[in-house]
Amino acid sequence: MTTTITRPAPAKPIRIAYLLVPQFPLMSFAAAIEPMRSANRMSERHLFEWTLVSVEGAEVAASNGIRISVDCRLDQLKSIDLLVVCAGLEPAQFGPKHAVHHQLRRLARHGAMIGA
């Protein structure tokens, strides 16, 4: 008797956006991204997809000075499952709070979980 093992059809990937706030800790950000990249690689499927965003769509400097390019502005995000805000030790110094809160509420109303 021969047993055939088949993989189930791939589910849709979990869509995560990372909002990079100036002076965010690169170590924490890498610790969040790398396990997902490894899971995708080991499973040979896209279990996770991620998008990097900033408020203005411009690159963001981490706390160590390394600049990270982003994919889009926060207000351009449409359909995501989770938004993770990556902020450093002094997020109160971060610029347009009202506009950011408005966008976070918009994403939450459309089903996204919000975390930091």
C-alpha atoms as a PDB file:
ATOM      1  CA  MET A   1       0.000   0.000   0.000  1.00  0.00           C
ATOM      2  CA  THR A   2       1.394   3.376  -0.996  1.00  0.00           C
ATOM      3  CA  THR A   3       0.637   6.467   1.048  1.00  0.00           C
ATOM      4  CA  THR A   4       0.707   9.819  -0.659  1.00  0.00           C
ATOM      5  CA  ILE A   5       1.191  12.915   1.439  1.00  0.00           C
ATOM      6  CA  THR A   6      -0.158  16.090  -0.044  1.00  0.00           C
ATOM      7  CA  ARG A   7       0.219  19.589   1.276  1.00  0.00           C
ATOM      8  CA  PRO A   8      -2.946  21.520   1.911  1.00  0.00           C
ATOM      9  CA  ALA A   9      -3.623  24.410  -0.423  1.00  0.00           C
ATOM     10  CA  PRO A  10      -1.789  27.498   0.811  1.00  0.00           C
ATOM     11  CA  ALA A  11      -3.908  29.886   2.818  1.00  0.00           C
ATOM     12  CA  LYS A  12      -3.664  33.579   2.149  1.00  0.00           C
ATOM     13  CA  PRO A  13      -0.560  35.098   3.724  1.00  0.00           C
ATOM     14  CA  ILE A  14      -0.868  37.238   6.823  1.00  0.00           C
ATOM     15  CA  ARG A  15      -0.347  40.843   5.682  1.00  0.00           C
ATOM     16  CA  ILE A  16       1.629  42.956   8.130  1.00  0.00           C
ATOM     17  CA  ALA A  17       2.646  46.592   7.838  1.00  0.00           C
ATOM     18  CA  TYR A  18       5.417  48.101   9.939  1.00  0.00           C
ATOM     19  CA  LEU A  19       5.125  51.816  10.644  1.00  0.00           C
ATOM     20  CA  LEU A  20       8.697  52.968  11.195  1.00  0.00           C
ATOM     21  CA  VAL A  21       8.923  55.950  13.538  1.00  0.00           C
ATOM     22  CA  PRO A  22      12.184  57.944  13.492  1.00  0.00           C
ATOM     23  CA  GLN A  23      14.747  56.544  15.942  1.00  0.00           C
ATOM     24  CA  PHE A  24      13.085  53.099  16.055  1.00  0.00           C
ATOM     25  CA  PRO A  25      15.299  50.283  17.431  1.00  0.00           C
ATOM     26  CA  LEU A  26      16.662  48.273  14.523  1.00  0.00           C
ATOM     27  CA  MET A  27      17.247  45.202  16.706  1.00  0.00           C
ATOM     28  CA  SER A  28      13.551  44.936  17.605  1.00  0.00           C
ATOM     29  CA  PHE A  29      12.510  45.480  14.009  1.00  0.00           C
ATOM     30  CA  ALA A  30      14.885  42.772  12.744  1.00  0.00           C
ATOM     31  CA  ALA A  31      13.685  40.416  15.494  1.00  0.00           C
ATOM     32  CA  ALA A  32      10.139  40.846  14.176  1.00  0.00           C
ATOM     33  CA  ILE A  33      10.928  40.431  10.453  1.00  0.00           C
ATOM     34  CA  GLU A  34      13.484  37.605  10.473  1.00  0.00           C
ATOM     35  CA  PRO A  35      11.301  34.846  11.974  1.00  0.00           C
ATOM     36  CA  MET A  36       8.645  35.564   9.336  1.00  0.00           C
ATOM     37  CA  ARG A  37      11.226  35.472   6.551  1.00  0.00           C
ATOM     38  CA  SER A  38      12.532  32.171   7.901  1.00  0.00           C
ATOM     39  CA  ALA A  39       9.007  30.727   8.182  1.00  0.00           C
ATOM     40  CA  ASN A  40       8.325  31.657   4.553  1.00  0.00           C
ATOM     41  CA  ARG A  41      11.572  30.068   3.450  1.00  0.00           C
ATOM     42  CA  MET A  42      11.211  26.881   5.483  1.00  0.00           C
ATOM     43  CA  SER A  43       7.582  26.340   4.490  1.00  0.00           C
ATOM     44  CA  GLU A  44       8.334  27.150   0.839  1.00  0.00           C
ATOM     45  CA  ARG A  45       5.221  29.340   0.875  1.00  0.00           C
ATOM     46  CA  HIS A  46       4.337  32.913   1.618  1.00  0.00           C
ATOM     47  CA  LEU A  47       2.887  32.615   5.097  1.00  0.00           C
ATOM     48  CA  PHE A  48       3.651  36.273   5.787  1.00  0.00           C
ATOM     49  CA  GLU A  49       3.880  39.389   3.631  1.00  0.00           C
ATOM     50  CA  TRP A  50       5.064  42.699   4.998  1.00  0.00           C
ATOM     51  CA  THR A  51       5.116  46.299   3.940  1.00  0.00           C
ATOM     52  CA  LEU A  52       7.278  49.039   5.423  1.00  0.00           C
ATOM     53  CA  VAL A  53       5.629  52.416   5.822  1.00  0.00           C
ATOM     54  CA  SER A  54       6.360  55.836   7.217  1.00  0.00           C
ATOM     55  CA  VAL A  55       4.049  58.771   7.759  1.00  0.00           C
ATOM     56  CA  GLU A  56       5.414  60.730   4.788  1.00  0.00           C
ATOM     57  CA  GLY A  57       6.670  57.807   2.676  1.00  0.00           C
ATOM     58  CA  ALA A  58      10.302  58.832   3.140  1.00  0.00           C
ATOM     59  CA  GLU A  59      13.082  56.623   4.455  1.00  0.00           C
ATOM     60  CA  VAL A  60      13.417  56.463   8.231  1.00  0.00           C
ATOM     61  CA  ALA A  61      16.571  56.502  10.350  1.00  0.00           C
ATOM     62  CA  ALA A  62      16.810  53.851  13.049  1.00  0.00           C
ATOM     63  CA  SER A  63      18.263  54.716  16.445  1.00  0.00           C
ATOM     64  CA  ASN A  64      21.696  53.571  15.235  1.00  0.00           C
ATOM     65  CA  GLY A  65      21.547  55.919  12.218  1.00  0.00           C
ATOM     66  CA  ILE A  66      20.897  53.255   9.567  1.00  0.00           C
ATOM     67  CA  ARG A  67      18.333  54.539   7.103  1.00  0.00           C
ATOM     68  CA  ILE A  68      15.578  52.167   5.950  1.00  0.00           C
ATOM     69  CA  SER A  69      13.586  52.690   2.750  1.00  0.00           C
ATOM     70  CA  VAL A  70       9.840  52.220   2.978  1.00  0.00           C
ATOM     71  CA  ASP A  71       7.271  50.985   0.472  1.00  0.00           C
ATOM     72  CA  CYS A  72       4.632  53.681   0.924  1.00  0.00           C
ATOM     73  CA  ARG A  73       3.054  56.361   3.114  1.00  0.00           C
ATOM     74  CA  LEU A  74       0.814  55.368   6.007  1.00  0.00           C
ATOM     75  CA  ASP A  75      -2.257  56.866   4.336  1.00  0.00           C
ATOM     76  CA  GLN A  76      -1.694  54.646   1.271  1.00  0.00           C
ATOM     77  CA  LEU A  77      -2.179  51.387   3.186  1.00  0.00           C
ATOM     78  CA  LYS A  78      -5.362  49.629   2.196  1.00  0.00           C
ATOM     79  CA  SER A  79      -5.862  46.027   3.193  1.00  0.00           C
ATOM     80  CA  ILE A  80      -3.694  44.625   5.985  1.00  0.00           C
ATOM     81  CA  ASP A  81      -4.221  42.212   8.844  1.00  0.00           C
ATOM     82  CA  LEU A  82      -1.858  43.822  11.343  1.00  0.00           C
ATOM     83  CA  LEU A  83      -0.059  47.140  11.729  1.00  0.00           C
ATOM     84  CA  VAL A  84       2.950  47.213  14.044  1.00  0.00           C
ATOM     85  CA  VAL A  85       4.209  50.624  15.139  1.00  0.00           C
ATOM     86  CA  CYS A  86       7.992  50.499  15.585  1.00  0.00           C
ATOM     87  CA  ALA A  87       8.896  53.380  17.872  1.00  0.00           C
ATOM     88  CA  GLY A  88      11.901  54.119  20.026  1.00  0.00           C
ATOM     89  CA  LEU A  89      12.330  55.532  23.489  1.00  0.00           C
ATOM     90  CA  GLU A  90      10.942  58.986  22.730  1.00  0.00           C
ATOM     91  CA  PRO A  91       7.853  58.577  20.512  1.00  0.00           C
ATOM     92  CA  ALA A  92       6.396  61.793  21.961  1.00  0.00           C
ATOM     93  CA  GLN A  93       8.885  63.712  19.802  1.00  0.00           C
ATOM     94  CA  PHE A  94       7.330  62.153  16.713  1.00  0.00           C
ATOM     95  CA  GLY A  95       5.619  64.674  14.442  1.00  0.00           C
ATOM     96  CA  PRO A  96       1.995  64.771  13.224  1.00  0.00           C
ATOM     97  CA  LYS A  97       0.231  62.776  15.960  1.00  0.00           C
ATOM     98  CA  HIS A  98      -3.324  63.711  14.959  1.00  0.00           C
ATOM     99  CA  ALA A  99      -2.822  62.542  11.374  1.00  0.00           C
ATOM    100  CA  VAL A 100      -1.218  59.294  12.555  1.00  0.00           C
ATOM    101  CA  HIS A 101      -4.050  58.580  15.020  1.00  0.00           C
ATOM    102  CA  HIS A 102      -6.577  59.208  12.240  1.00  0.00           C
ATOM    103  CA  GLN A 103      -4.834  56.686   9.965  1.00  0.00           C
ATOM    104  CA  LEU A 104      -4.536  54.094  12.748  1.00  0.00           C
ATOM    105  CA  ARG A 105      -8.259  54.414  13.478  1.00  0.00           C
ATOM    106  CA  ARG A 106      -9.046  54.096   9.752  1.00  0.00           C
ATOM    107  CA  LEU A 107      -7.048  50.867   9.487  1.00  0.00           C
ATOM    108  CA  ALA A 108      -8.629  49.465  12.658  1.00  0.00           C
ATOM    109  CA  ARG A 109     -12.132  50.228  11.324  1.00  0.00           C
ATOM    110  CA  HIS A 110     -11.235  48.152   8.257  1.00  0.00           C
ATOM    111  CA  GLY A 111     -10.254  45.130  10.330  1.00  0.00           C
ATOM    112  CA  ALA A 112      -6.541  45.602  10.979  1.00  0.00           C
ATOM    113  CA  MET A 113      -5.168  44.811  14.412  1.00  0.00           C
ATOM    114  CA  ILE A 114      -2.874  47.544  15.719  1.00  0.00           C
ATOM    115  CA  GLY A 115       0.142  46.839  17.911  1.00  0.00           C
ATOM    116  CA  ALA A 116       3.550  48.155  18.859  1.00  0.00           C
END
